[in-house]
């Protein structure tokens, strides 16, 4: 689907068939079970997820003019986040909501 140009989105709406709040776990499943590359899984979980909610022009990417809702992670490689199943909270350094830091580890 991705190779055909379909905008694939990943998300966890916490339904009974997918009891999971963890986006790194969802990204891991997409990579392992559906053959998504790690960059494809990241785009599907961010920009494409925002597009699926009708917010693709304002959310889902880091650029001037977009809403700054993001997390800052402490990891050597961003690709490692999908392998830290259930331990990803320990690498969160900051949470930024609407451009303001709402959580900082330090």
C-alpha atoms as a PDB file:
ATOM      1  CA  UNK A   1       0.000   0.000   0.000  1.00  0.00           C
ATOM      2  CA  UNK A   2       2.743   2.455   0.944  1.00  0.00           C
ATOM      3  CA  UNK A   3       4.629   1.746  -2.293  1.00  0.00           C
ATOM      4  CA  UNK A   4       1.390   2.559  -4.163  1.00  0.00           C
ATOM      5  CA  UNK A   5       1.236   5.970  -2.494  1.00  0.00           C
ATOM      6  CA  UNK A   6      -1.456   5.206   0.084  1.00  0.00           C
ATOM      7  CA  UNK A   7      -1.214   7.397   3.194  1.00  0.00           C
ATOM      8  CA  UNK A   8      -1.082   4.695   5.901  1.00  0.00           C
ATOM      9  CA  UNK A   9      -1.659   5.898   9.468  1.00  0.00           C
ATOM     10  CA  UNK A  10      -0.859   4.131  12.725  1.00  0.00           C
ATOM     11  CA  UNK A  11      -2.614   4.773  15.977  1.00  0.00           C
ATOM     12  CA  UNK A  12      -3.975   3.263  19.134  1.00  0.00           C
ATOM     13  CA  UNK A  13      -7.516   4.219  19.920  1.00  0.00           C
ATOM     14  CA  UNK A  14      -7.493   1.699  22.764  1.00  0.00           C
ATOM     15  CA  UNK A  15     -10.229  -0.532  21.380  1.00  0.00           C
ATOM     16  CA  UNK A  16     -11.054  -4.009  22.746  1.00  0.00           C
ATOM     17  CA  UNK A  17      -9.202  -5.728  19.887  1.00  0.00           C
ATOM     18  CA  UNK A  18      -5.985  -3.742  20.412  1.00  0.00           C
ATOM     19  CA  UNK A  19      -5.497  -3.189  24.114  1.00  0.00           C
ATOM     20  CA  UNK A  20      -2.429  -0.974  23.857  1.00  0.00           C
ATOM     21  CA  UNK A  21      -1.612   2.643  24.708  1.00  0.00           C
ATOM     22  CA  UNK A  22       2.019   2.410  23.566  1.00  0.00           C
ATOM     23  CA  UNK A  23       2.814   3.999  20.196  1.00  0.00           C
ATOM     24  CA  UNK A  24       6.347   2.513  20.192  1.00  0.00           C
ATOM     25  CA  UNK A  25       4.707  -0.919  20.505  1.00  0.00           C
ATOM     26  CA  UNK A  26       2.289  -0.104  17.658  1.00  0.00           C
ATOM     27  CA  UNK A  27       5.258   1.028  15.534  1.00  0.00           C
ATOM     28  CA  UNK A  28       7.097  -2.197  16.410  1.00  0.00           C
ATOM     29  CA  UNK A  29       4.109  -4.310  15.359  1.00  0.00           C
ATOM     30  CA  UNK A  30       3.834  -2.403  12.074  1.00  0.00           C
ATOM     31  CA  UNK A  31       7.523  -2.996  11.365  1.00  0.00           C
ATOM     32  CA  UNK A  32       7.541  -6.667  12.345  1.00  0.00           C
ATOM     33  CA  UNK A  33       4.098  -7.764  11.119  1.00  0.00           C
ATOM     34  CA  UNK A  34       3.477  -5.475   8.157  1.00  0.00           C
ATOM     35  CA  UNK A  35       7.025  -4.955   6.900  1.00  0.00           C
ATOM     36  CA  UNK A  36       7.065  -1.189   7.413  1.00  0.00           C
ATOM     37  CA  UNK A  37      10.506   0.345   7.624  1.00  0.00           C
ATOM     38  CA  UNK A  38      11.194   2.348  10.767  1.00  0.00           C
ATOM     39  CA  UNK A  39      10.950   5.676   8.897  1.00  0.00           C
ATOM     40  CA  UNK A  40       7.622   4.553   7.374  1.00  0.00           C
ATOM     41  CA  UNK A  41       6.297   3.598  10.820  1.00  0.00           C
ATOM     42  CA  UNK A  42       7.366   6.965  12.258  1.00  0.00           C
ATOM     43  CA  UNK A  43       5.650   8.923   9.466  1.00  0.00           C
ATOM     44  CA  UNK A  44       2.542   6.727   9.798  1.00  0.00           C
ATOM     45  CA  UNK A  45       2.424   7.392  13.568  1.00  0.00           C
ATOM     46  CA  UNK A  46       2.932  11.147  13.255  1.00  0.00           C
ATOM     47  CA  UNK A  47       2.206  13.008  10.021  1.00  0.00           C
ATOM     48  CA  UNK A  48      -0.132  10.439   8.484  1.00  0.00           C
ATOM     49  CA  UNK A  49      -1.978  10.003  11.781  1.00  0.00           C
ATOM     50  CA  UNK A  50      -2.503  13.773  11.874  1.00  0.00           C
ATOM     51  CA  UNK A  51      -3.809  13.688   8.279  1.00  0.00           C
ATOM     52  CA  UNK A  52      -6.255  10.912   9.213  1.00  0.00           C
ATOM     53  CA  UNK A  53      -7.726  13.255  11.845  1.00  0.00           C
ATOM     54  CA  UNK A  54      -7.935  16.196   9.451  1.00  0.00           C
ATOM     55  CA  UNK A  55      -4.996  17.939  11.150  1.00  0.00           C
ATOM     56  CA  UNK A  56      -2.242  17.221   8.668  1.00  0.00           C
ATOM     57  CA  UNK A  57      -1.561  20.880   7.942  1.00  0.00           C
ATOM     58  CA  UNK A  58      -1.162  21.855  11.604  1.00  0.00           C
ATOM     59  CA  UNK A  59       0.068  18.735  13.432  1.00  0.00           C
ATOM     60  CA  UNK A  60       2.239  15.672  12.891  1.00  0.00           C
ATOM     61  CA  UNK A  61       5.526  17.287  11.866  1.00  0.00           C
ATOM     62  CA  UNK A  62       8.049  19.709  13.282  1.00  0.00           C
ATOM     63  CA  UNK A  63       8.105  22.876  11.203  1.00  0.00           C
ATOM     64  CA  UNK A  64       7.379  26.569  11.537  1.00  0.00           C
ATOM     65  CA  UNK A  65       3.686  27.324  11.904  1.00  0.00           C
ATOM     66  CA  UNK A  66       2.679  23.868  13.142  1.00  0.00           C
ATOM     67  CA  UNK A  67       1.367  23.112  16.624  1.00  0.00           C
ATOM     68  CA  UNK A  68       4.315  22.057  18.801  1.00  0.00           C
ATOM     69  CA  UNK A  69       2.995  18.922  20.518  1.00  0.00           C
ATOM     70  CA  UNK A  70       5.944  16.584  20.871  1.00  0.00           C
ATOM     71  CA  UNK A  71       8.184  14.571  23.131  1.00  0.00           C
ATOM     72  CA  UNK A  72      11.968  14.795  23.407  1.00  0.00           C
ATOM     73  CA  UNK A  73      13.601  11.405  23.870  1.00  0.00           C
ATOM     74  CA  UNK A  74      17.011  10.485  25.272  1.00  0.00           C
ATOM     75  CA  UNK A  75      18.174   7.707  22.983  1.00  0.00           C
ATOM     76  CA  UNK A  76      21.236   7.225  20.808  1.00  0.00           C
ATOM     77  CA  UNK A  77      19.164   6.489  17.698  1.00  0.00           C
ATOM     78  CA  UNK A  78      15.510   7.364  17.166  1.00  0.00           C
ATOM     79  CA  UNK A  79      14.999   3.924  15.604  1.00  0.00           C
ATOM     80  CA  UNK A  80      15.582   2.346  19.024  1.00  0.00           C
ATOM     81  CA  UNK A  81      12.246   3.588  20.381  1.00  0.00           C
ATOM     82  CA  UNK A  82      10.344   0.713  18.782  1.00  0.00           C
ATOM     83  CA  UNK A  83      12.509  -1.848  20.563  1.00  0.00           C
ATOM     84  CA  UNK A  84      11.992  -0.453  24.060  1.00  0.00           C
ATOM     85  CA  UNK A  85       8.696  -2.217  24.611  1.00  0.00           C
ATOM     86  CA  UNK A  86       7.036  -0.928  27.791  1.00  0.00           C
ATOM     87  CA  UNK A  87      10.248   0.866  28.809  1.00  0.00           C
ATOM     88  CA  UNK A  88       9.881   3.954  26.639  1.00  0.00           C
ATOM     89  CA  UNK A  89       8.745   6.142  29.551  1.00  0.00           C
ATOM     90  CA  UNK A  90      12.271   5.989  30.940  1.00  0.00           C
ATOM     91  CA  UNK A  91      13.724   7.798  27.897  1.00  0.00           C
ATOM     92  CA  UNK A  92      11.253  10.706  27.842  1.00  0.00           C
ATOM     93  CA  UNK A  93      13.176  13.892  28.643  1.00  0.00           C
ATOM     94  CA  UNK A  94      10.506  16.495  27.872  1.00  0.00           C
ATOM     95  CA  UNK A  95       6.880  16.760  26.842  1.00  0.00           C
ATOM     96  CA  UNK A  96       5.900  19.873  24.908  1.00  0.00           C
ATOM     97  CA  UNK A  97       2.243  20.808  24.423  1.00  0.00           C
ATOM     98  CA  UNK A  98       1.217  23.811  22.315  1.00  0.00           C
ATOM     99  CA  UNK A  99       4.851  24.955  22.354  1.00  0.00           C
ATOM    100  CA  UNK A 100       5.205  24.940  26.157  1.00  0.00           C
ATOM    101  CA  UNK A 101       7.200  22.430  28.200  1.00  0.00           C
ATOM    102  CA  UNK A 102       4.684  20.623  30.419  1.00  0.00           C
ATOM    103  CA  UNK A 103       7.107  17.968  31.690  1.00  0.00           C
ATOM    104  CA  UNK A 104      10.872  17.927  32.082  1.00  0.00           C
ATOM    105  CA  UNK A 105      12.883  15.145  33.670  1.00  0.00           C
ATOM    106  CA  UNK A 106      15.455  17.692  34.904  1.00  0.00           C
END
